[in-house]
Structure formats: C-alpha cells, structure tokens
C-alpha cells in the first residue's frame, strides 16, 4: 500500500472509531492494527498493552454488569483504532507538502508548529517505547505507572529541542529573501534597482531587472537587463507570434532571452545578492522563471530580492521559500 493510501486509511480508521456501531468499531480497530502492526508489536514487547488494558478496564470496575464490559471493550477498540490510524498518518504523511498547503492559510509560524508537532510524535513514540523497555528490564522493582507521563514529557521536550535546532540551522543556512510587492506599474522594478545599487557596495550582485518598453506611452513589453554587466535583451512583447515562447498575460516571453537570463545564474557564488524580476502567475504554475527561482532558493547566496504582484506574494513565498526568512516590502 502506498504512503498516500495509508494516510487515507488511517484517517478512515480514526473517523470510524467515533462510531458506536458493533460493526464499525471492531473494523476500525482491526484496520488500525493492520496499518501499524509493527508499531503494535513493539508496544507488546515493551509491555504497553498492560497499561491500555488497565485503562480500558476502569469502567468495568465502576459500572455494573454488561454495561461496564461493553464500555471497557469500546474504549479498548477505540484506543487501538485511533492510535493505529494516527501512527499510519504521521508515518506516511509528506510534511513538506503539508507545510506548503497550510502556509497560505495558517501563516508561517502556525504551519511550521503543526508540522513540527506531527513530526515529533513518531520520534517521541520510539523514544518512549525504548525508554520504557530499558526501565522495565533494569529495574528490580516495578516501574510505577506515575513515571509514564514524566517519561513522555522528557522524551517530547528532548525531541522538540533537537527538531527546533535542526530547523534553526536549516533556516540560517538559507538565504534571506526580500519580497518586493505591489500592483502593476507601482514601482517594483525601481525598488529592485535601488536595492541592487546598495548591494553592489557590499557584495557581488547577480540577476536581472525587467524594464518596461513603451511606444506612444503604451507599454508594449519588457527588456531584461543584466545587473552585473548592464547588457539588455528583449524579454517580452505584446505582438510576438506563438512560436516565440510562453505567454504571460498579454505579452509573450522570448525563450531565447529566458535561456540567457537563466545562464546568468549558472554559477551562484556563496554570499552573493540575487535579483529576480519577477514571480507571477506563470511562475506559480511552474513556467517562466520558476526553475531559476527554485535554484536561487537552494543556493548559498546571502540574500535574494524578488518582485511579485501583491495577489501572488503569499503564494510565491509558500511555493518557493517555505523555510526561508521572508521579509515583505512594498514598492
């Protein structure tokens, strides 16, 4: 079974566990066992089933007759279904993809916290099972059940600390990103060029600016200017034929000039400043300069300046810079 199918199956088991039906609940528990049988085998070796059975047996001791037995059995089946289903989800879920999906909706901090917490569970479970097994083997006396919450908290804190440190190191190794936003003709390129002049005083500058071309006060396209050499080439025009290149709004990109722009980023020196003008709907769909932006995001540059329309800014940050420090500035 593929990872995606296991995620859906795990979610189905959790949903079915909320049912009180004598048909759905045992099926959900059986599904949870089948999906995570290896993890349940580890729990059996570590003696965790005893805790689950004791917890489920409490209603049987309190409630009289069949009602207590029925309640205890329901609790036991629900624990197995939910635990097995959740294990299947967190063990097979693509957390990078989840983070990309949640970022535009929840924001950077909340989506990262949720991804971190779901990443934390499998690691904490493994540490908790191993720790419990070691305590059980090496202790002459039985380990009291009250030690279990403290062990779980210690494992969670340790793993959370390690994951946060790894995220911080990864974030620090990625270039800072300045996202220049604004509407059409709001001055995004002018702001980009101003940043380029300032950066030239501190470090090597690489990239391009898309400067508007006008005829009789009407914009007819853009020229791409290399910010290192000053060389300019026609990038897009309104009247170019379909064979010239990709369409971007009412303009058509020159595939030849696009290749030339991409060649400017062939060798990105460490600590340099990169400039990209711009990320729009074409790039968000994977076309245009999307490969170039992805390469810049993975580079060892010190900082990236990129322009984007206000309507595309959030999606640009989520798609190309999900783990970067992104600073948005208005044109």
C-alpha atoms as a PDB file:
ATOM      1  CA  UNK A   1       0.000   0.000   0.000  1.00  0.00           C
ATOM      2  CA  UNK A   2       1.357   3.427  -0.954  1.00  0.00           C
ATOM      3  CA  UNK A   3       2.053   6.129   1.624  1.00  0.00           C
ATOM      4  CA  UNK A   4      -0.864   8.240   0.361  1.00  0.00           C
ATOM      5  CA  UNK A   5      -3.253   5.274   0.678  1.00  0.00           C
ATOM      6  CA  UNK A   6      -2.015   4.627   4.234  1.00  0.00           C
ATOM      7  CA  UNK A   7      -2.718   8.247   5.176  1.00  0.00           C
ATOM      8  CA  UNK A   8      -6.303   7.984   3.884  1.00  0.00           C
ATOM      9  CA  UNK A   9      -6.771   4.576   5.536  1.00  0.00           C
ATOM     10  CA  UNK A  10      -5.509   5.927   8.852  1.00  0.00           C
ATOM     11  CA  UNK A  11      -7.913   8.876   8.659  1.00  0.00           C
ATOM     12  CA  UNK A  12     -10.763   6.450   7.880  1.00  0.00           C
ATOM     13  CA  UNK A  13      -9.904   4.342  10.948  1.00  0.00           C
ATOM     14  CA  UNK A  14      -9.953   7.422  13.188  1.00  0.00           C
ATOM     15  CA  UNK A  15     -13.287   8.560  11.735  1.00  0.00           C
ATOM     16  CA  UNK A  16     -14.794   5.069  12.164  1.00  0.00           C
ATOM     17  CA  UNK A  17     -13.620   4.965  15.798  1.00  0.00           C
ATOM     18  CA  UNK A  18     -16.181   7.648  16.668  1.00  0.00           C
ATOM     19  CA  UNK A  19     -18.973   5.269  15.717  1.00  0.00           C
ATOM     20  CA  UNK A  20     -20.709   3.254  18.403  1.00  0.00           C
ATOM     21  CA  UNK A  21     -21.713   0.525  15.952  1.00  0.00           C
ATOM     22  CA  UNK A  22     -20.712  -3.062  16.757  1.00  0.00           C
ATOM     23  CA  UNK A  23     -19.702  -3.375  13.100  1.00  0.00           C
ATOM     24  CA  UNK A  24     -17.666  -0.212  12.536  1.00  0.00           C
ATOM     25  CA  UNK A  25     -15.718  -0.123  15.802  1.00  0.00           C
ATOM     26  CA  UNK A  26     -14.131  -3.616  15.569  1.00  0.00           C
ATOM     27  CA  UNK A  27     -13.405  -2.981  11.879  1.00  0.00           C
ATOM     28  CA  UNK A  28     -11.695   0.314  12.747  1.00  0.00           C
ATOM     29  CA  UNK A  29      -9.588  -1.395  15.437  1.00  0.00           C
ATOM     30  CA  UNK A  30      -8.650  -4.209  13.032  1.00  0.00           C
ATOM     31  CA  UNK A  31      -7.707  -1.621  10.412  1.00  0.00           C
ATOM     32  CA  UNK A  32      -5.541   0.258  12.907  1.00  0.00           C
ATOM     33  CA  UNK A  33      -3.766  -2.985  13.855  1.00  0.00           C
ATOM     34  CA  UNK A  34      -3.135  -3.924  10.230  1.00  0.00           C
ATOM     35  CA  UNK A  35      -1.849  -0.470   9.299  1.00  0.00           C
ATOM     36  CA  UNK A  36       0.580  -0.250  12.229  1.00  0.00           C
ATOM     37  CA  UNK A  37       1.206  -3.863  13.167  1.00  0.00           C
ATOM     38  CA  UNK A  38       4.973  -3.342  13.555  1.00  0.00           C
ATOM     39  CA  UNK A  39       4.485  -0.475  15.987  1.00  0.00           C
ATOM     40  CA  UNK A  40       1.939  -2.505  17.950  1.00  0.00           C
ATOM     41  CA  UNK A  41       4.445  -5.387  18.076  1.00  0.00           C
ATOM     42  CA  UNK A  42       6.994  -3.006  19.613  1.00  0.00           C
ATOM     43  CA  UNK A  43       4.437  -1.951  22.204  1.00  0.00           C
ATOM     44  CA  UNK A  44       3.736  -5.587  23.068  1.00  0.00           C
ATOM     45  CA  UNK A  45       7.428  -6.185  23.733  1.00  0.00           C
ATOM     46  CA  UNK A  46       7.615  -3.076  25.893  1.00  0.00           C
ATOM     47  CA  UNK A  47       4.579  -4.056  27.963  1.00  0.00           C
ATOM     48  CA  UNK A  48       2.388  -1.131  26.927  1.00  0.00           C
ATOM     49  CA  UNK A  49      -0.662  -3.299  26.336  1.00  0.00           C
ATOM     50  CA  UNK A  50      -0.949  -3.763  30.079  1.00  0.00           C
ATOM     51  CA  UNK A  51      -1.451  -0.016  30.514  1.00  0.00           C
ATOM     52  CA  UNK A  52      -4.082   0.133  27.763  1.00  0.00           C
ATOM     53  CA  UNK A  53      -5.982  -2.837  29.221  1.00  0.00           C
ATOM     54  CA  UNK A  54      -5.878  -1.367  32.737  1.00  0.00           C
ATOM     55  CA  UNK A  55      -7.143   1.970  31.439  1.00  0.00           C
ATOM     56  CA  UNK A  56      -9.935   0.333  29.446  1.00  0.00           C
ATOM     57  CA  UNK A  57     -10.909  -1.892  32.411  1.00  0.00           C
ATOM     58  CA  UNK A  58     -11.701   1.042  34.709  1.00  0.00           C
ATOM     59  CA  UNK A  59     -15.337   1.386  33.514  1.00  0.00           C
ATOM     60  CA  UNK A  60     -15.778  -2.359  34.015  1.00  0.00           C
ATOM     61  CA  UNK A  61     -14.829  -1.942  37.665  1.00  0.00           C
ATOM     62  CA  UNK A  62     -17.096   1.064  38.169  1.00  0.00           C
ATOM     63  CA  UNK A  63     -20.172   0.208  36.087  1.00  0.00           C
ATOM     64  CA  UNK A  64     -22.144  -2.961  36.885  1.00  0.00           C
ATOM     65  CA  UNK A  65     -22.851  -5.907  34.583  1.00  0.00           C
ATOM     66  CA  UNK A  66     -22.712  -5.878  30.818  1.00  0.00           C
ATOM     67  CA  UNK A  67     -22.672  -2.091  30.613  1.00  0.00           C
ATOM     68  CA  UNK A  68     -19.201  -1.931  32.180  1.00  0.00           C
ATOM     69  CA  UNK A  69     -17.844  -4.725  29.975  1.00  0.00           C
ATOM     70  CA  UNK A  70     -19.288  -3.071  26.841  1.00  0.00           C
ATOM     71  CA  UNK A  71     -17.798   0.297  27.805  1.00  0.00           C
ATOM     72  CA  UNK A  72     -14.373  -1.254  28.523  1.00  0.00           C
ATOM     73  CA  UNK A  73     -14.370  -3.070  25.185  1.00  0.00           C
ATOM     74  CA  UNK A  74     -15.384   0.096  23.315  1.00  0.00           C
ATOM     75  CA  UNK A  75     -12.571   2.059  24.942  1.00  0.00           C
ATOM     76  CA  UNK A  76     -10.021  -0.624  24.106  1.00  0.00           C
ATOM     77  CA  UNK A  77     -11.120  -0.807  20.463  1.00  0.00           C
ATOM     78  CA  UNK A  78     -11.149   2.981  20.120  1.00  0.00           C
ATOM     79  CA  UNK A  79      -7.648   3.294  21.573  1.00  0.00           C
ATOM     80  CA  UNK A  80      -6.335   0.717  19.084  1.00  0.00           C
ATOM     81  CA  UNK A  81      -8.165   2.313  16.127  1.00  0.00           C
ATOM     82  CA  UNK A  82      -7.129   5.896  16.909  1.00  0.00           C
ATOM     83  CA  UNK A  83      -3.552   5.023  17.839  1.00  0.00           C
ATOM     84  CA  UNK A  84      -3.047   2.788  14.802  1.00  0.00           C
ATOM     85  CA  UNK A  85      -4.689   5.276  12.448  1.00  0.00           C
ATOM     86  CA  UNK A  86      -2.712   8.220  13.782  1.00  0.00           C
ATOM     87  CA  UNK A  87       0.545   6.264  13.560  1.00  0.00           C
ATOM     88  CA  UNK A  88      -0.231   5.415   9.938  1.00  0.00           C
ATOM     89  CA  UNK A  89      -0.881   9.084   9.142  1.00  0.00           C
ATOM     90  CA  UNK A  90       2.203  10.599  10.792  1.00  0.00           C
ATOM     91  CA  UNK A  91       4.483   7.853   9.473  1.00  0.00           C
ATOM     92  CA  UNK A  92       3.460   8.342   5.825  1.00  0.00           C
ATOM     93  CA  UNK A  93       2.409  11.974   5.551  1.00  0.00           C
ATOM     94  CA  UNK A  94       4.512  14.266   3.371  1.00  0.00           C
ATOM     95  CA  UNK A  95       5.182  17.024   5.913  1.00  0.00           C
ATOM     96  CA  UNK A  96       6.873  19.321   3.368  1.00  0.00           C
ATOM     97  CA  UNK A  97       3.785  19.166   1.159  1.00  0.00           C
ATOM     98  CA  UNK A  98       1.534  19.662   4.214  1.00  0.00           C
ATOM     99  CA  UNK A  99       3.551  22.701   5.233  1.00  0.00           C
ATOM    100  CA  UNK A 100       3.222  24.155   1.700  1.00  0.00           C
ATOM    101  CA  UNK A 101      -0.558  23.609   1.768  1.00  0.00           C
ATOM    102  CA  UNK A 102      -1.044  25.114   5.236  1.00  0.00           C
ATOM    103  CA  UNK A 103       1.312  28.070   4.810  1.00  0.00           C
ATOM    104  CA  UNK A 104      -1.049  30.283   2.735  1.00  0.00           C
ATOM    105  CA  UNK A 105      -3.964  29.543   5.086  1.00  0.00           C
ATOM    106  CA  UNK A 106      -2.447  29.482   8.584  1.00  0.00           C
ATOM    107  CA  UNK A 107       0.705  31.526   8.142  1.00  0.00           C
ATOM    108  CA  UNK A 108       4.361  30.612   8.540  1.00  0.00           C
ATOM    109  CA  UNK A 109       4.527  30.172  12.340  1.00  0.00           C
ATOM    110  CA  UNK A 110       1.370  28.079  12.824  1.00  0.00           C
ATOM    111  CA  UNK A 111       2.010  25.800   9.837  1.00  0.00           C
ATOM    112  CA  UNK A 112       5.583  25.187  10.983  1.00  0.00           C
ATOM    113  CA  UNK A 113       4.417  24.454  14.548  1.00  0.00           C
ATOM    114  CA  UNK A 114       1.832  21.960  13.291  1.00  0.00           C
ATOM    115  CA  UNK A 115       4.349  20.224  11.029  1.00  0.00           C
ATOM    116  CA  UNK A 116       6.849  20.115  13.903  1.00  0.00           C
ATOM    117  CA  UNK A 117       4.327  18.595  16.312  1.00  0.00           C
ATOM    118  CA  UNK A 118       3.311  15.893  13.809  1.00  0.00           C
ATOM    119  CA  UNK A 119       6.976  15.150  13.114  1.00  0.00           C
ATOM    120  CA  UNK A 120       7.571  14.937  16.847  1.00  0.00           C
ATOM    121  CA  UNK A 121       5.079  12.151  17.553  1.00  0.00           C
ATOM    122  CA  UNK A 122       6.836   9.188  15.810  1.00  0.00           C
ATOM    123  CA  UNK A 123      10.179  10.169  17.307  1.00  0.00           C
ATOM    124  CA  UNK A 124       8.694  10.584  20.778  1.00  0.00           C
ATOM    125  CA  UNK A 125       6.869   7.247  20.482  1.00  0.00           C
ATOM    126  CA  UNK A 126      10.085   5.404  19.603  1.00  0.00           C
ATOM    127  CA  UNK A 127      11.988   7.014  22.479  1.00  0.00           C
ATOM    128  CA  UNK A 128       9.157   6.362  24.910  1.00  0.00           C
ATOM    129  CA  UNK A 129       8.887   2.689  23.960  1.00  0.00           C
ATOM    130  CA  UNK A 130      12.667   2.212  24.181  1.00  0.00           C
ATOM    131  CA  UNK A 131      12.869   4.051  27.495  1.00  0.00           C
ATOM    132  CA  UNK A 132      10.032   2.023  28.989  1.00  0.00           C
ATOM    133  CA  UNK A 133      11.656  -1.235  27.866  1.00  0.00           C
ATOM    134  CA  UNK A 134      15.005  -0.250  29.417  1.00  0.00           C
ATOM    135  CA  UNK A 135      13.345   0.755  32.689  1.00  0.00           C
ATOM    136  CA  UNK A 136      11.395  -2.499  32.812  1.00  0.00           C
ATOM    137  CA  UNK A 137      14.490  -4.634  32.181  1.00  0.00           C
ATOM    138  CA  UNK A 138      16.874  -2.860  34.539  1.00  0.00           C
ATOM    139  CA  UNK A 139      14.605  -2.081  37.444  1.00  0.00           C
ATOM    140  CA  UNK A 140      14.277  -4.626  40.243  1.00  0.00           C
ATOM    141  CA  UNK A 141      11.038  -3.074  41.297  1.00  0.00           C
ATOM    142  CA  UNK A 142       8.098  -2.495  39.021  1.00  0.00           C
ATOM    143  CA  UNK A 143       8.139   0.908  37.441  1.00  0.00           C
ATOM    144  CA  UNK A 144       5.097   2.781  38.769  1.00  0.00           C
ATOM    145  CA  UNK A 145       2.563   3.992  36.209  1.00  0.00           C
ATOM    146  CA  UNK A 146       3.029   7.522  37.514  1.00  0.00           C
ATOM    147  CA  UNK A 147       6.505   7.540  35.901  1.00  0.00           C
ATOM    148  CA  UNK A 148       4.997   7.216  32.417  1.00  0.00           C
ATOM    149  CA  UNK A 149       3.801  10.852  31.986  1.00  0.00           C
ATOM    150  CA  UNK A 150       7.161  12.198  33.175  1.00  0.00           C
ATOM    151  CA  UNK A 151       8.990   9.905  30.748  1.00  0.00           C
ATOM    152  CA  UNK A 152       6.720  11.034  27.903  1.00  0.00           C
ATOM    153  CA  UNK A 153       7.292  14.716  28.699  1.00  0.00           C
ATOM    154  CA  UNK A 154      11.067  14.291  28.874  1.00  0.00           C
ATOM    155  CA  UNK A 155      11.103  12.468  25.523  1.00  0.00           C
ATOM    156  CA  UNK A 156       8.858  15.116  23.940  1.00  0.00           C
ATOM    157  CA  UNK A 157      10.952  18.033  25.184  1.00  0.00           C
ATOM    158  CA  UNK A 158      14.210  16.458  24.100  1.00  0.00           C
ATOM    159  CA  UNK A 159      12.946  15.635  20.607  1.00  0.00           C
ATOM    160  CA  UNK A 160      11.266  19.018  20.217  1.00  0.00           C
ATOM    161  CA  UNK A 161      14.519  20.720  21.179  1.00  0.00           C
ATOM    162  CA  UNK A 162      16.501  18.680  18.649  1.00  0.00           C
ATOM    163  CA  UNK A 163      13.975  19.337  15.861  1.00  0.00           C
ATOM    164  CA  UNK A 164      13.858  23.077  16.577  1.00  0.00           C
ATOM    165  CA  UNK A 165      17.644  23.197  16.496  1.00  0.00           C
ATOM    166  CA  UNK A 166      17.719  21.385  13.137  1.00  0.00           C
ATOM    167  CA  UNK A 167      15.076  23.769  11.745  1.00  0.00           C
ATOM    168  CA  UNK A 168      17.024  26.775  13.004  1.00  0.00           C
ATOM    169  CA  UNK A 169      20.284  25.549  11.478  1.00  0.00           C
ATOM    170  CA  UNK A 170      18.496  24.872   8.185  1.00  0.00           C
ATOM    171  CA  UNK A 171      16.855  28.295   8.222  1.00  0.00           C
ATOM    172  CA  UNK A 172      20.148  30.032   8.995  1.00  0.00           C
ATOM    173  CA  UNK A 173      21.821  28.249   6.066  1.00  0.00           C
ATOM    174  CA  UNK A 174      19.187  29.511   3.598  1.00  0.00           C
ATOM    175  CA  UNK A 175      19.428  32.975   2.046  1.00  0.00           C
ATOM    176  CA  UNK A 176      17.286  35.769   3.417  1.00  0.00           C
ATOM    177  CA  UNK A 177      14.509  36.700   0.995  1.00  0.00           C
ATOM    178  CA  UNK A 178      13.154  40.190   0.363  1.00  0.00           C
ATOM    179  CA  UNK A 179       9.810  40.066  -1.437  1.00  0.00           C
ATOM    180  CA  UNK A 180       9.021  43.387  -3.128  1.00  0.00           C
ATOM    181  CA  UNK A 181       5.253  43.567  -3.640  1.00  0.00           C
ATOM    182  CA  UNK A 182       2.922  45.935  -5.418  1.00  0.00           C
ATOM    183  CA  UNK A 183       0.426  46.288  -8.213  1.00  0.00           C
ATOM    184  CA  UNK A 184       1.318  46.645 -11.905  1.00  0.00           C
ATOM    185  CA  UNK A 185       3.401  49.809 -12.587  1.00  0.00           C
ATOM    186  CA  UNK A 186       3.673  50.535  -8.860  1.00  0.00           C
ATOM    187  CA  UNK A 187       7.484  50.816  -8.901  1.00  0.00           C
ATOM    188  CA  UNK A 188       8.606  47.279  -8.016  1.00  0.00           C
ATOM    189  CA  UNK A 189      11.451  47.308 -10.545  1.00  0.00           C
ATOM    190  CA  UNK A 190      12.625  50.762  -9.416  1.00  0.00           C
ATOM    191  CA  UNK A 191      12.763  49.497  -5.837  1.00  0.00           C
ATOM    192  CA  UNK A 192      14.672  46.400  -7.024  1.00  0.00           C
ATOM    193  CA  UNK A 193      17.243  48.538  -8.852  1.00  0.00           C
ATOM    194  CA  UNK A 194      17.703  50.708  -5.774  1.00  0.00           C
ATOM    195  CA  UNK A 195      18.446  47.625  -3.667  1.00  0.00           C
ATOM    196  CA  UNK A 196      20.902  46.458  -6.364  1.00  0.00           C
ATOM    197  CA  UNK A 197      22.835  49.742  -6.165  1.00  0.00           C
ATOM    198  CA  UNK A 198      23.059  49.410  -2.388  1.00  0.00           C
ATOM    199  CA  UNK A 199      24.142  45.757  -2.507  1.00  0.00           C
ATOM    200  CA  UNK A 200      26.922  46.465  -5.046  1.00  0.00           C
ATOM    201  CA  UNK A 201      28.709  48.388  -2.308  1.00  0.00           C
ATOM    202  CA  UNK A 202      28.797  45.271  -0.076  1.00  0.00           C
ATOM    203  CA  UNK A 203      28.868  42.088  -2.198  1.00  0.00           C
ATOM    204  CA  UNK A 204      28.647  40.609  -5.664  1.00  0.00           C
ATOM    205  CA  UNK A 205      25.326  41.228  -7.419  1.00  0.00           C
ATOM    206  CA  UNK A 206      23.718  38.786  -9.858  1.00  0.00           C
ATOM    207  CA  UNK A 207      20.351  38.801 -11.581  1.00  0.00           C
ATOM    208  CA  UNK A 208      18.149  40.796 -13.883  1.00  0.00           C
ATOM    209  CA  UNK A 209      15.526  43.511 -13.957  1.00  0.00           C
ATOM    210  CA  UNK A 210      12.558  43.556 -16.347  1.00  0.00           C
ATOM    211  CA  UNK A 211      12.278  47.131 -17.574  1.00  0.00           C
ATOM    212  CA  UNK A 212       9.165  48.295 -19.389  1.00  0.00           C
ATOM    213  CA  UNK A 213       9.266  49.194 -23.096  1.00  0.00           C
ATOM    214  CA  UNK A 214       6.835  51.903 -24.263  1.00  0.00           C
ATOM    215  CA  UNK A 215       5.572  53.078 -27.617  1.00  0.00           C
ATOM    216  CA  UNK A 216       3.414  56.224 -27.676  1.00  0.00           C
ATOM    217  CA  UNK A 217       3.059  55.959 -23.861  1.00  0.00           C
ATOM    218  CA  UNK A 218       1.688  52.403 -24.183  1.00  0.00           C
ATOM    219  CA  UNK A 219       3.614  49.523 -22.658  1.00  0.00           C
ATOM    220  CA  UNK A 220       4.434  47.029 -25.391  1.00  0.00           C
ATOM    221  CA  UNK A 221       6.688  44.673 -23.443  1.00  0.00           C
ATOM    222  CA  UNK A 222       9.797  44.303 -21.275  1.00  0.00           C
ATOM    223  CA  UNK A 223      13.570  44.190 -21.708  1.00  0.00           C
ATOM    224  CA  UNK A 224      15.767  42.087 -19.412  1.00  0.00           C
ATOM    225  CA  UNK A 225      18.838  43.882 -18.080  1.00  0.00           C
ATOM    226  CA  UNK A 226      21.779  42.023 -16.567  1.00  0.00           C
ATOM    227  CA  UNK A 227      22.508  43.829 -13.286  1.00  0.00           C
ATOM    228  CA  UNK A 228      26.183  42.801 -13.399  1.00  0.00           C
ATOM    229  CA  UNK A 229      27.171  43.847 -16.912  1.00  0.00           C
ATOM    230  CA  UNK A 230      24.317  46.171 -17.869  1.00  0.00           C
ATOM    231  CA  UNK A 231      23.595  44.183 -21.059  1.00  0.00           C
ATOM    232  CA  UNK A 232      19.965  44.401 -22.208  1.00  0.00           C
ATOM    233  CA  UNK A 233      17.941  41.996 -24.342  1.00  0.00           C
ATOM    234  CA  UNK A 234      14.259  41.973 -25.410  1.00  0.00           C
ATOM    235  CA  UNK A 235      12.370  39.771 -22.947  1.00  0.00           C
ATOM    236  CA  UNK A 236       8.688  40.040 -23.950  1.00  0.00           C
ATOM    237  CA  UNK A 237       6.448  41.829 -26.395  1.00  0.00           C
ATOM    238  CA  UNK A 238       2.706  42.068 -26.966  1.00  0.00           C
ATOM    239  CA  UNK A 239       2.801  41.274 -30.685  1.00  0.00           C
ATOM    240  CA  UNK A 240       5.196  38.345 -30.831  1.00  0.00           C
ATOM    241  CA  UNK A 241       3.939  35.146 -32.565  1.00  0.00           C
ATOM    242  CA  UNK A 242       3.068  31.983 -30.539  1.00  0.00           C
ATOM    243  CA  UNK A 243       6.280  30.224 -31.575  1.00  0.00           C
ATOM    244  CA  UNK A 244       8.431  32.837 -29.849  1.00  0.00           C
ATOM    245  CA  UNK A 245       7.870  31.488 -26.333  1.00  0.00           C
ATOM    246  CA  UNK A 246       5.500  31.197 -23.366  1.00  0.00           C
ATOM    247  CA  UNK A 247       2.574  33.547 -22.939  1.00  0.00           C
ATOM    248  CA  UNK A 248       2.491  35.746 -19.826  1.00  0.00           C
ATOM    249  CA  UNK A 249      -0.697  37.791 -19.717  1.00  0.00           C
ATOM    250  CA  UNK A 250      -0.931  39.903 -22.881  1.00  0.00           C
ATOM    251  CA  UNK A 251       2.808  39.510 -23.532  1.00  0.00           C
ATOM    252  CA  UNK A 252       4.841  36.618 -24.893  1.00  0.00           C
ATOM    253  CA  UNK A 253       8.240  35.707 -23.448  1.00  0.00           C
ATOM    254  CA  UNK A 254      11.260  35.175 -25.671  1.00  0.00           C
ATOM    255  CA  UNK A 255      12.541  31.660 -24.978  1.00  0.00           C
ATOM    256  CA  UNK A 256      15.967  32.765 -26.246  1.00  0.00           C
ATOM    257  CA  UNK A 257      16.176  35.644 -23.767  1.00  0.00           C
ATOM    258  CA  UNK A 258      14.771  33.440 -20.992  1.00  0.00           C
ATOM    259  CA  UNK A 259      17.645  30.999 -21.594  1.00  0.00           C
ATOM    260  CA  UNK A 260      20.108  33.885 -21.480  1.00  0.00           C
ATOM    261  CA  UNK A 261      18.632  35.073 -18.160  1.00  0.00           C
ATOM    262  CA  UNK A 262      18.923  31.548 -16.742  1.00  0.00           C
ATOM    263  CA  UNK A 263      22.596  31.452 -17.786  1.00  0.00           C
ATOM    264  CA  UNK A 264      23.218  34.424 -15.500  1.00  0.00           C
ATOM    265  CA  UNK A 265      22.522  32.105 -12.557  1.00  0.00           C
ATOM    266  CA  UNK A 266      24.653  29.149 -13.678  1.00  0.00           C
ATOM    267  CA  UNK A 267      27.326  29.717 -11.039  1.00  0.00           C
ATOM    268  CA  UNK A 268      25.995  31.418  -7.910  1.00  0.00           C
ATOM    269  CA  UNK A 269      28.844  32.428  -5.562  1.00  0.00           C
ATOM    270  CA  UNK A 270      28.407  31.988  -1.828  1.00  0.00           C
ATOM    271  CA  UNK A 271      27.418  35.207  -0.092  1.00  0.00           C
ATOM    272  CA  UNK A 272      26.181  36.974  -3.222  1.00  0.00           C
ATOM    273  CA  UNK A 273      22.996  39.011  -3.709  1.00  0.00           C
ATOM    274  CA  UNK A 274      20.474  37.694  -6.253  1.00  0.00           C
ATOM    275  CA  UNK A 275      17.820  39.742  -8.056  1.00  0.00           C
ATOM    276  CA  UNK A 276      14.802  38.291  -9.891  1.00  0.00           C
ATOM    277  CA  UNK A 277      12.116  40.386 -11.580  1.00  0.00           C
ATOM    278  CA  UNK A 278       9.501  38.886 -11.205  1.00  0.00           C
ATOM    279  CA  UNK A 279       7.359  35.979  -9.887  1.00  0.00           C
ATOM    280  CA  UNK A 280       3.837  35.980 -11.328  1.00  0.00           C
ATOM    281  CA  UNK A 281       1.045  33.546 -12.242  1.00  0.00           C
ATOM    282  CA  UNK A 282       3.260  31.925 -14.908  1.00  0.00           C
ATOM    283  CA  UNK A 283       5.964  31.087 -12.351  1.00  0.00           C
ATOM    284  CA  UNK A 284       3.432  29.859  -9.803  1.00  0.00           C
ATOM    285  CA  UNK A 285       2.181  27.370 -12.408  1.00  0.00           C
ATOM    286  CA  UNK A 286       5.744  26.080 -12.916  1.00  0.00           C
ATOM    287  CA  UNK A 287       6.578  28.007 -16.097  1.00  0.00           C
ATOM    288  CA  UNK A 288       8.609  31.105 -16.883  1.00  0.00           C
ATOM    289  CA  UNK A 289      11.424  31.650 -14.405  1.00  0.00           C
ATOM    290  CA  UNK A 290      10.177  29.081 -11.855  1.00  0.00           C
ATOM    291  CA  UNK A 291      13.259  26.776 -12.250  1.00  0.00           C
ATOM    292  CA  UNK A 292      15.527  29.803 -11.825  1.00  0.00           C
ATOM    293  CA  UNK A 293      13.738  30.888  -8.632  1.00  0.00           C
ATOM    294  CA  UNK A 294      13.964  27.346  -7.228  1.00  0.00           C
ATOM    295  CA  UNK A 295      17.701  27.254  -7.958  1.00  0.00           C
ATOM    296  CA  UNK A 296      18.199  30.617  -6.258  1.00  0.00           C
ATOM    297  CA  UNK A 297      16.237  29.437  -3.204  1.00  0.00           C
ATOM    298  CA  UNK A 298      18.569  26.418  -2.821  1.00  0.00           C
ATOM    299  CA  UNK A 299      21.747  28.455  -3.323  1.00  0.00           C
ATOM    300  CA  UNK A 300      24.254  29.728  -0.744  1.00  0.00           C
ATOM    301  CA  UNK A 301      23.586  33.352  -1.610  1.00  0.00           C
ATOM    302  CA  UNK A 302      23.376  35.804   1.263  1.00  0.00           C
ATOM    303  CA  UNK A 303      20.131  37.417   0.144  1.00  0.00           C
ATOM    304  CA  UNK A 304      17.521  37.189  -2.618  1.00  0.00           C
ATOM    305  CA  UNK A 305      15.466  40.121  -3.884  1.00  0.00           C
ATOM    306  CA  UNK A 306      12.383  39.177  -5.893  1.00  0.00           C
ATOM    307  CA  UNK A 307       9.400  41.176  -7.106  1.00  0.00           C
ATOM    308  CA  UNK A 308       5.825  39.935  -7.139  1.00  0.00           C
ATOM    309  CA  UNK A 309       2.342  41.296  -7.581  1.00  0.00           C
ATOM    310  CA  UNK A 310       0.502  41.679  -4.313  1.00  0.00           C
ATOM    311  CA  UNK A 311      -2.008  38.988  -5.324  1.00  0.00           C
ATOM    312  CA  UNK A 312       0.839  36.491  -5.931  1.00  0.00           C
ATOM    313  CA  UNK A 313       3.105  37.407  -2.994  1.00  0.00           C
ATOM    314  CA  UNK A 314       1.800  34.917  -0.437  1.00  0.00           C
ATOM    315  CA  UNK A 315       1.750  32.047  -2.926  1.00  0.00           C
ATOM    316  CA  UNK A 316       5.270  32.938  -4.079  1.00  0.00           C
ATOM    317  CA  UNK A 317       6.580  32.753  -0.508  1.00  0.00           C
ATOM    318  CA  UNK A 318       4.772  29.458   0.104  1.00  0.00           C
ATOM    319  CA  UNK A 319       5.848  27.800  -3.141  1.00  0.00           C
ATOM    320  CA  UNK A 320       9.475  28.886  -3.471  1.00  0.00           C
ATOM    321  CA  UNK A 321      10.570  29.988   0.026  1.00  0.00           C
ATOM    322  CA  UNK A 322       8.676  27.848   2.596  1.00  0.00           C
ATOM    323  CA  UNK A 323      11.604  27.628   5.054  1.00  0.00           C
ATOM    324  CA  UNK A 324      13.287  30.967   4.357  1.00  0.00           C
ATOM    325  CA  UNK A 325      13.226  34.157   6.363  1.00  0.00           C
ATOM    326  CA  UNK A 326      10.953  36.210   4.097  1.00  0.00           C
ATOM    327  CA  UNK A 327      10.678  39.970   4.523  1.00  0.00           C
ATOM    328  CA  UNK A 328       7.927  41.674   2.542  1.00  0.00           C
ATOM    329  CA  UNK A 329       8.358  45.298   1.485  1.00  0.00           C
ATOM    330  CA  UNK A 330       6.007  47.486  -0.513  1.00  0.00           C
ATOM    331  CA  UNK A 331       7.222  49.046  -3.737  1.00  0.00           C
END
